[in-house]
């Protein structure tokens, strides 16, 4: 089941963010306000999802490698995002 959630998070990150927001308290512990999660939801959903997961499971220490990989995936530098243009 966690593998299925991971795959859904990769292919449909905004859907997973909404589901986690509605059914868990992750975003209240990860973010202090509303501005950063909303901006992340709109522009960098994988990065916000990774940050929420890392703050929930590893409080106080953001997993930097995962955050960088998520940001690169959001920017399209990894994968076919840059080649399609």
PDB file of N, CA and C in Angstrom:
ATOM      1  N   UNK A   1       0.802  -1.209   0.000  1.00  0.00           N
ATOM      2  CA  UNK A   1       0.000   0.000   0.000  1.00  0.00           C
ATOM      3  C   UNK A   1       0.846   1.276   0.000  1.00  0.00           C
ATOM      4  N   UNK A   2       1.955   1.354   0.757  1.00  0.00           N
ATOM      5  CA  UNK A   2       2.769   2.568   0.678  1.00  0.00           C
ATOM      6  C   UNK A   2       3.367   2.780  -0.708  1.00  0.00           C
ATOM      7  N   UNK A   3       3.677   1.698  -1.422  1.00  0.00           N
ATOM      8  CA  UNK A   3       4.214   1.839  -2.765  1.00  0.00           C
ATOM      9  C   UNK A   3       3.166   2.442  -3.699  1.00  0.00           C
ATOM     10  N   UNK A   4       1.932   2.049  -3.535  1.00  0.00           N
ATOM     11  CA  UNK A   4       0.852   2.615  -4.335  1.00  0.00           C
ATOM     12  C   UNK A   4       0.676   4.105  -4.031  1.00  0.00           C
ATOM     13  N   UNK A   5       0.754   4.466  -2.772  1.00  0.00           N
ATOM     14  CA  UNK A   5       0.654   5.878  -2.395  1.00  0.00           C
ATOM     15  C   UNK A   5       1.831   6.670  -2.955  1.00  0.00           C
ATOM     16  N   UNK A   6       3.013   6.083  -2.951  1.00  0.00           N
ATOM     17  CA  UNK A   6       4.194   6.745  -3.510  1.00  0.00           C
ATOM     18  C   UNK A   6       4.035   6.978  -5.008  1.00  0.00           C
ATOM     19  N   UNK A   7       3.562   5.981  -5.725  1.00  0.00           N
ATOM     20  CA  UNK A   7       3.346   6.131  -7.162  1.00  0.00           C
ATOM     21  C   UNK A   7       2.267   7.154  -7.462  1.00  0.00           C
ATOM     22  N   UNK A   8       1.189   7.133  -6.701  1.00  0.00           N
ATOM     23  CA  UNK A   8       0.137   8.130  -6.889  1.00  0.00           C
ATOM     24  C   UNK A   8       0.657   9.535  -6.575  1.00  0.00           C
ATOM     25  N   UNK A   9       1.518   9.641  -5.572  1.00  0.00           N
ATOM     26  CA  UNK A   9       2.110  10.927  -5.239  1.00  0.00           C
ATOM     27  C   UNK A   9       3.021  11.452  -6.328  1.00  0.00           C
ATOM     28  N   UNK A  10       3.669  10.567  -7.049  1.00  0.00           N
ATOM     29  CA  UNK A  10       4.532  10.994  -8.146  1.00  0.00           C
ATOM     30  C   UNK A  10       3.714  11.432  -9.363  1.00  0.00           C
ATOM     31  N   UNK A  11       2.688  10.659  -9.699  1.00  0.00           N
ATOM     32  CA  UNK A  11       1.907  10.956 -10.890  1.00  0.00           C
ATOM     33  C   UNK A  11       0.797  11.981 -10.650  1.00  0.00           C
ATOM     34  N   UNK A  12       0.248  12.022  -9.441  1.00  0.00           N
ATOM     35  CA  UNK A  12      -0.837  12.949  -9.109  1.00  0.00           C
ATOM     36  C   UNK A  12      -0.540  13.652  -7.791  1.00  0.00           C
ATOM     37  N   UNK A  13       0.497  14.485  -7.730  1.00  0.00           N
ATOM     38  CA  UNK A  13       0.882  15.068  -6.445  1.00  0.00           C
ATOM     39  C   UNK A  13      -0.166  16.010  -5.865  1.00  0.00           C
ATOM     40  N   UNK A  14      -0.862  16.748  -6.710  1.00  0.00           N
ATOM     41  CA  UNK A  14      -1.877  17.672  -6.190  1.00  0.00           C
ATOM     42  C   UNK A  14      -3.047  16.924  -5.563  1.00  0.00           C
ATOM     43  N   UNK A  15      -3.410  15.812  -6.142  1.00  0.00           N
ATOM     44  CA  UNK A  15      -4.484  15.000  -5.564  1.00  0.00           C
ATOM     45  C   UNK A  15      -4.078  14.463  -4.198  1.00  0.00           C
ATOM     46  N   UNK A  16      -2.864  13.993  -4.076  1.00  0.00           N
ATOM     47  CA  UNK A  16      -2.380  13.465  -2.803  1.00  0.00           C
ATOM     48  C   UNK A  16      -2.271  14.583  -1.767  1.00  0.00           C
ATOM     49  N   UNK A  17      -1.860  15.778  -2.178  1.00  0.00           N
ATOM     50  CA  UNK A  17      -1.788  16.903  -1.242  1.00  0.00           C
ATOM     51  C   UNK A  17      -3.169  17.228  -0.701  1.00  0.00           C
ATOM     52  N   UNK A  18      -4.170  17.251  -1.554  1.00  0.00           N
ATOM     53  CA  UNK A  18      -5.536  17.543  -1.102  1.00  0.00           C
ATOM     54  C   UNK A  18      -6.043  16.447  -0.170  1.00  0.00           C
ATOM     55  N   UNK A  19      -5.800  15.198  -0.524  1.00  0.00           N
ATOM     56  CA  UNK A  19      -6.256  14.085   0.325  1.00  0.00           C
ATOM     57  C   UNK A  19      -5.569  14.135   1.683  1.00  0.00           C
ATOM     58  N   UNK A  20      -4.270  14.365   1.696  1.00  0.00           N
ATOM     59  CA  UNK A  20      -3.553  14.455   2.969  1.00  0.00           C
ATOM     60  C   UNK A  20      -3.996  15.659   3.779  1.00  0.00           C
ATOM     61  N   UNK A  21      -4.313  16.755   3.125  1.00  0.00           N
ATOM     62  CA  UNK A  21      -4.792  17.935   3.838  1.00  0.00           C
ATOM     63  C   UNK A  21      -6.151  17.667   4.491  1.00  0.00           C
ATOM     64  N   UNK A  22      -7.004  16.963   3.782  1.00  0.00           N
ATOM     65  CA  UNK A  22      -8.347  16.712   4.307  1.00  0.00           C
ATOM     66  C   UNK A  22      -8.376  15.649   5.401  1.00  0.00           C
ATOM     67  N   UNK A  23      -7.518  14.642   5.301  1.00  0.00           N
ATOM     68  CA  UNK A  23      -7.632  13.500   6.209  1.00  0.00           C
ATOM     69  C   UNK A  23      -6.509  13.370   7.236  1.00  0.00           C
ATOM     70  N   UNK A  24      -5.481  14.216   7.165  1.00  0.00           N
ATOM     71  CA  UNK A  24      -4.402  14.152   8.148  1.00  0.00           C
ATOM     72  C   UNK A  24      -4.076  15.551   8.648  1.00  0.00           C
ATOM     73  N   UNK A  25      -3.216  15.642   9.629  1.00  0.00           N
ATOM     74  CA  UNK A  25      -2.787  16.921  10.159  1.00  0.00           C
ATOM     75  C   UNK A  25      -1.364  17.268   9.772  1.00  0.00           C
ATOM     76  N   UNK A  26      -0.875  16.705   8.675  1.00  0.00           N
ATOM     77  CA  UNK A  26       0.508  16.910   8.264  1.00  0.00           C
ATOM     78  C   UNK A  26       0.827  18.364   8.002  1.00  0.00           C
ATOM     79  N   UNK A  27      -0.042  19.061   7.335  1.00  0.00           N
ATOM     80  CA  UNK A  27       0.268  20.413   6.888  1.00  0.00           C
ATOM     81  C   UNK A  27       0.280  21.402   8.047  1.00  0.00           C
ATOM     82  N   UNK A  28      -0.429  21.102   9.100  1.00  0.00           N
ATOM     83  CA  UNK A  28      -0.400  21.974  10.278  1.00  0.00           C
ATOM     84  C   UNK A  28       0.936  21.865  11.002  1.00  0.00           C
ATOM     85  N   UNK A  29       1.543  20.695  10.973  1.00  0.00           N
ATOM     86  CA  UNK A  29       2.842  20.533  11.623  1.00  0.00           C
ATOM     87  C   UNK A  29       3.993  20.980  10.725  1.00  0.00           C
ATOM     88  N   UNK A  30       3.836  20.875   9.418  1.00  0.00           N
ATOM     89  CA  UNK A  30       4.926  21.199   8.497  1.00  0.00           C
ATOM     90  C   UNK A  30       5.025  22.694   8.211  1.00  0.00           C
ATOM     91  N   UNK A  31       3.896  23.368   8.098  1.00  0.00           N
ATOM     92  CA  UNK A  31       3.893  24.781   7.725  1.00  0.00           C
ATOM     93  C   UNK A  31       3.212  25.600   8.798  1.00  0.00           C
ATOM     94  N   UNK A  32       3.723  26.818   9.008  1.00  0.00           N
ATOM     95  CA  UNK A  32       3.130  27.709   9.998  1.00  0.00           C
ATOM     96  C   UNK A  32       1.926  28.461   9.443  1.00  0.00           C
ATOM     97  N   UNK A  33       1.983  28.848   8.204  1.00  0.00           N
ATOM     98  CA  UNK A  33       0.918  29.640   7.606  1.00  0.00           C
ATOM     99  C   UNK A  33       0.269  28.920   6.452  1.00  0.00           C
ATOM    100  N   UNK A  34      -0.426  29.701   5.624  1.00  0.00           N
ATOM    101  CA  UNK A  34      -1.152  29.134   4.492  1.00  0.00           C
ATOM    102  C   UNK A  34      -0.484  29.483   3.158  1.00  0.00           C
ATOM    103  N   UNK A  35       0.323  30.532   3.141  1.00  0.00           N
ATOM    104  CA  UNK A  35       0.874  31.033   1.889  1.00  0.00           C
ATOM    105  C   UNK A  35       1.795  30.021   1.205  1.00  0.00           C
ATOM    106  N   UNK A  36       2.761  29.458   1.919  1.00  0.00           N
ATOM    107  CA  UNK A  36       3.721  28.531   1.297  1.00  0.00           C
ATOM    108  C   UNK A  36       3.076  27.250   0.789  1.00  0.00           C
ATOM    109  N   UNK A  37       2.150  26.634   1.535  1.00  0.00           N
ATOM    110  CA  UNK A  37       1.517  25.435   0.965  1.00  0.00           C
ATOM    111  C   UNK A  37       0.689  25.726  -0.288  1.00  0.00           C
ATOM    112  N   UNK A  38       0.018  26.866  -0.322  1.00  0.00           N
ATOM    113  CA  UNK A  38      -0.788  27.200  -1.500  1.00  0.00           C
ATOM    114  C   UNK A  38       0.106  27.486  -2.702  1.00  0.00           C
ATOM    115  N   UNK A  39       1.178  28.264  -2.495  1.00  0.00           N
ATOM    116  CA  UNK A  39       2.110  28.515  -3.597  1.00  0.00           C
ATOM    117  C   UNK A  39       2.785  27.229  -4.066  1.00  0.00           C
ATOM    118  N   UNK A  40       3.137  26.371  -3.133  1.00  0.00           N
ATOM    119  CA  UNK A  40       3.731  25.094  -3.500  1.00  0.00           C
ATOM    120  C   UNK A  40       2.756  24.197  -4.234  1.00  0.00           C
ATOM    121  N   UNK A  41       1.499  24.216  -3.817  1.00  0.00           N
ATOM    122  CA  UNK A  41       0.463  23.433  -4.493  1.00  0.00           C
ATOM    123  C   UNK A  41       0.332  23.871  -5.944  1.00  0.00           C
ATOM    124  N   UNK A  42       0.425  25.169  -6.181  1.00  0.00           N
ATOM    125  CA  UNK A  42       0.258  25.686  -7.537  1.00  0.00           C
ATOM    126  C   UNK A  42       1.498  25.496  -8.402  1.00  0.00           C
ATOM    127  N   UNK A  43       2.686  25.734  -7.846  1.00  0.00           N
ATOM    128  CA  UNK A  43       3.893  25.788  -8.673  1.00  0.00           C
ATOM    129  C   UNK A  43       4.849  24.610  -8.497  1.00  0.00           C
ATOM    130  N   UNK A  44       4.971  24.060  -7.285  1.00  0.00           N
ATOM    131  CA  UNK A  44       5.940  22.987  -7.031  1.00  0.00           C
ATOM    132  C   UNK A  44       5.312  21.906  -6.134  1.00  0.00           C
ATOM    133  N   UNK A  45       4.385  21.126  -6.664  1.00  0.00           N
ATOM    134  CA  UNK A  45       3.663  20.179  -5.811  1.00  0.00           C
ATOM    135  C   UNK A  45       4.517  19.038  -5.261  1.00  0.00           C
ATOM    136  N   UNK A  46       5.468  18.532  -6.022  1.00  0.00           N
ATOM    137  CA  UNK A  46       6.297  17.439  -5.508  1.00  0.00           C
ATOM    138  C   UNK A  46       7.186  17.901  -4.361  1.00  0.00           C
ATOM    139  N   UNK A  47       7.678  19.120  -4.457  1.00  0.00           N
ATOM    140  CA  UNK A  47       8.529  19.660  -3.405  1.00  0.00           C
ATOM    141  C   UNK A  47       7.733  19.865  -2.117  1.00  0.00           C
ATOM    142  N   UNK A  48       6.526  20.402  -2.232  1.00  0.00           N
ATOM    143  CA  UNK A  48       5.678  20.593  -1.047  1.00  0.00           C
ATOM    144  C   UNK A  48       5.295  19.251  -0.447  1.00  0.00           C
ATOM    145  N   UNK A  49       4.993  18.286  -1.285  1.00  0.00           N
ATOM    146  CA  UNK A  49       4.647  16.958  -0.787  1.00  0.00           C
ATOM    147  C   UNK A  49       5.823  16.333  -0.049  1.00  0.00           C
ATOM    148  N   UNK A  50       7.018  16.434  -0.610  1.00  0.00           N
ATOM    149  CA  UNK A  50       8.195  15.877   0.052  1.00  0.00           C
ATOM    150  C   UNK A  50       8.489  16.602   1.354  1.00  0.00           C
ATOM    151  N   UNK A  51       8.344  17.920   1.361  1.00  0.00           N
ATOM    152  CA  UNK A  51       8.606  18.678   2.579  1.00  0.00           C
ATOM    153  C   UNK A  51       7.616  18.285   3.680  1.00  0.00           C
ATOM    154  N   UNK A  52       6.359  18.131   3.328  1.00  0.00           N
ATOM    155  CA  UNK A  52       5.365  17.709   4.317  1.00  0.00           C
ATOM    156  C   UNK A  52       5.644  16.323   4.864  1.00  0.00           C
ATOM    157  N   UNK A  53       6.049  15.421   3.999  1.00  0.00           N
ATOM    158  CA  UNK A  53       6.367  14.063   4.442  1.00  0.00           C
ATOM    159  C   UNK A  53       7.608  14.058   5.321  1.00  0.00           C
ATOM    160  N   UNK A  54       8.631  14.800   4.917  1.00  0.00           N
ATOM    161  CA  UNK A  54       9.871  14.787   5.706  1.00  0.00           C
ATOM    162  C   UNK A  54       9.686  15.475   7.052  1.00  0.00           C
ATOM    163  N   UNK A  55       8.881  16.525   7.118  1.00  0.00           N
ATOM    164  CA  UNK A  55       8.624  17.177   8.400  1.00  0.00           C
ATOM    165  C   UNK A  55       7.757  16.320   9.306  1.00  0.00           C
ATOM    166  N   UNK A  56       6.925  15.480   8.735  1.00  0.00           N
ATOM    167  CA  UNK A  56       6.076  14.607   9.549  1.00  0.00           C
ATOM    168  C   UNK A  56       6.871  13.438  10.115  1.00  0.00           C
ATOM    169  N   UNK A  57       7.666  12.798   9.276  1.00  0.00           N
ATOM    170  CA  UNK A  57       8.375  11.609   9.723  1.00  0.00           C
ATOM    171  C   UNK A  57       9.752  11.892  10.324  1.00  0.00           C
ATOM    172  N   UNK A  58      10.356  12.997   9.940  1.00  0.00           N
ATOM    173  CA  UNK A  58      11.677  13.367  10.458  1.00  0.00           C
ATOM    174  C   UNK A  58      11.635  14.811  10.944  1.00  0.00           C
ATOM    175  N   UNK A  59      10.949  15.106  12.040  1.00  0.00           N
ATOM    176  CA  UNK A  59      10.790  16.501  12.470  1.00  0.00           C
ATOM    177  C   UNK A  59      12.124  17.154  12.817  1.00  0.00           C
ATOM    178  N   UNK A  60      12.275  18.398  12.384  1.00  0.00           N
ATOM    179  CA  UNK A  60      13.476  19.152  12.692  1.00  0.00           C
ATOM    180  C   UNK A  60      14.601  19.001  11.696  1.00  0.00           C
ATOM    181  N   UNK A  61      14.551  17.986  10.852  1.00  0.00           N
ATOM    182  CA  UNK A  61      15.618  17.810   9.865  1.00  0.00           C
ATOM    183  C   UNK A  61      14.995  17.487   8.510  1.00  0.00           C
ATOM    184  N   UNK A  62      15.024  18.449   7.628  1.00  0.00           N
ATOM    185  CA  UNK A  62      14.508  18.235   6.281  1.00  0.00           C
ATOM    186  C   UNK A  62      15.506  17.377   5.525  1.00  0.00           C
ATOM    187  N   UNK A  63      15.028  16.400   4.849  1.00  0.00           N
ATOM    188  CA  UNK A  63      15.873  15.516   4.068  1.00  0.00           C
ATOM    189  C   UNK A  63      16.263  16.237   2.775  1.00  0.00           C
ATOM    190  N   UNK A  64      17.451  16.811   2.762  1.00  0.00           N
ATOM    191  CA  UNK A  64      17.877  17.732   1.714  1.00  0.00           C
ATOM    192  C   UNK A  64      17.975  17.068   0.349  1.00  0.00           C
ATOM    193  N   UNK A  65      18.478  15.868   0.288  1.00  0.00           N
ATOM    194  CA  UNK A  65      18.643  15.196  -1.007  1.00  0.00           C
ATOM    195  C   UNK A  65      17.276  14.970  -1.648  1.00  0.00           C
ATOM    196  N   UNK A  66      16.337  14.520  -0.873  1.00  0.00           N
ATOM    197  CA  UNK A  66      14.988  14.311  -1.394  1.00  0.00           C
ATOM    198  C   UNK A  66      14.324  15.607  -1.810  1.00  0.00           C
ATOM    199  N   UNK A  67      14.579  16.672  -1.062  1.00  0.00           N
ATOM    200  CA  UNK A  67      14.012  17.972  -1.394  1.00  0.00           C
ATOM    201  C   UNK A  67      14.590  18.507  -2.702  1.00  0.00           C
ATOM    202  N   UNK A  68      15.883  18.312  -2.906  1.00  0.00           N
ATOM    203  CA  UNK A  68      16.527  18.752  -4.154  1.00  0.00           C
ATOM    204  C   UNK A  68      16.011  17.935  -5.334  1.00  0.00           C
ATOM    205  N   UNK A  69      15.874  16.634  -5.161  1.00  0.00           N
ATOM    206  CA  UNK A  69      15.363  15.787  -6.245  1.00  0.00           C
ATOM    207  C   UNK A  69      13.925  16.170  -6.584  1.00  0.00           C
ATOM    208  N   UNK A  70      13.103  16.435  -5.564  1.00  0.00           N
ATOM    209  CA  UNK A  70      11.718  16.841  -5.807  1.00  0.00           C
ATOM    210  C   UNK A  70      11.657  18.183  -6.528  1.00  0.00           C
ATOM    211  N   UNK A  71      12.520  19.118  -6.150  1.00  0.00           N
ATOM    212  CA  UNK A  71      12.544  20.417  -6.822  1.00  0.00           C
ATOM    213  C   UNK A  71      12.990  20.270  -8.275  1.00  0.00           C
ATOM    214  N   UNK A  72      13.982  19.434  -8.525  1.00  0.00           N
ATOM    215  CA  UNK A  72      14.420  19.205  -9.905  1.00  0.00           C
ATOM    216  C   UNK A  72      13.332  18.546 -10.736  1.00  0.00           C
ATOM    217  N   UNK A  73      12.585  17.636 -10.143  1.00  0.00           N
ATOM    218  CA  UNK A  73      11.462  17.033 -10.852  1.00  0.00           C
ATOM    219  C   UNK A  73      10.382  18.062 -11.148  1.00  0.00           C
ATOM    220  N   UNK A  74      10.132  18.960 -10.206  1.00  0.00           N
ATOM    221  CA  UNK A  74       9.143  20.003 -10.435  1.00  0.00           C
ATOM    222  C   UNK A  74       9.565  20.968 -11.542  1.00  0.00           C
ATOM    223  N   UNK A  75      10.833  21.303 -11.589  1.00  0.00           N
ATOM    224  CA  UNK A  75      11.329  22.201 -12.635  1.00  0.00           C
ATOM    225  C   UNK A  75      11.421  21.510 -13.993  1.00  0.00           C
ATOM    226  N   UNK A  76      11.321  20.198 -14.029  1.00  0.00           N
ATOM    227  CA  UNK A  76      11.387  19.476 -15.292  1.00  0.00           C
ATOM    228  C   UNK A  76      12.799  19.199 -15.755  1.00  0.00           C
ATOM    229  N   UNK A  77      13.771  19.364 -14.872  1.00  0.00           N
ATOM    230  CA  UNK A  77      15.149  19.116 -15.272  1.00  0.00           C
ATOM    231  C   UNK A  77      15.478  17.626 -15.303  1.00  0.00           C
ATOM    232  N   UNK A  78      14.739  16.851 -14.541  1.00  0.00           N
ATOM    233  CA  UNK A  78      14.883  15.403 -14.564  1.00  0.00           C
ATOM    234  C   UNK A  78      13.691  14.859 -15.316  1.00  0.00           C
ATOM    235  N   UNK A  79      13.925  14.009 -16.269  1.00  0.00           N
ATOM    236  CA  UNK A  79      12.817  13.460 -17.045  1.00  0.00           C
ATOM    237  C   UNK A  79      12.717  14.136 -18.403  1.00  0.00           C
ATOM    238  N   UNK A  80      11.547  14.113 -18.963  1.00  0.00           N
ATOM    239  CA  UNK A  80      11.351  14.634 -20.317  1.00  0.00           C
ATOM    240  C   UNK A  80      10.818  16.054 -20.339  1.00  0.00           C
ATOM    241  N   UNK A  81      10.700  16.727 -19.212  1.00  0.00           N
ATOM    242  CA  UNK A  81      10.135  18.069 -19.186  1.00  0.00           C
ATOM    243  C   UNK A  81      10.938  19.068 -19.992  1.00  0.00           C
ATOM    244  N   UNK A  82      12.237  19.034 -19.896  1.00  0.00           N
ATOM    245  CA  UNK A  82      13.077  19.988 -20.617  1.00  0.00           C
ATOM    246  C   UNK A  82      13.198  19.609 -22.098  1.00  0.00           C
ATOM    247  N   UNK A  83      13.121  18.349 -22.414  1.00  0.00           N
ATOM    248  CA  UNK A  83      13.273  17.916 -23.803  1.00  0.00           C
ATOM    249  C   UNK A  83      12.016  18.202 -24.618  1.00  0.00           C
ATOM    250  N   UNK A  84      10.854  18.231 -23.987  1.00  0.00           N
ATOM    251  CA  UNK A  84       9.609  18.432 -24.732  1.00  0.00           C
ATOM    252  C   UNK A  84       9.523  19.841 -25.294  1.00  0.00           C
ATOM    253  N   UNK A  85      10.181  20.798 -24.647  1.00  0.00           N
ATOM    254  CA  UNK A  85      10.151  22.166 -25.179  1.00  0.00           C
ATOM    255  C   UNK A  85      11.046  22.226 -26.379  1.00  0.00           C
TER     256      UNK A  85
END
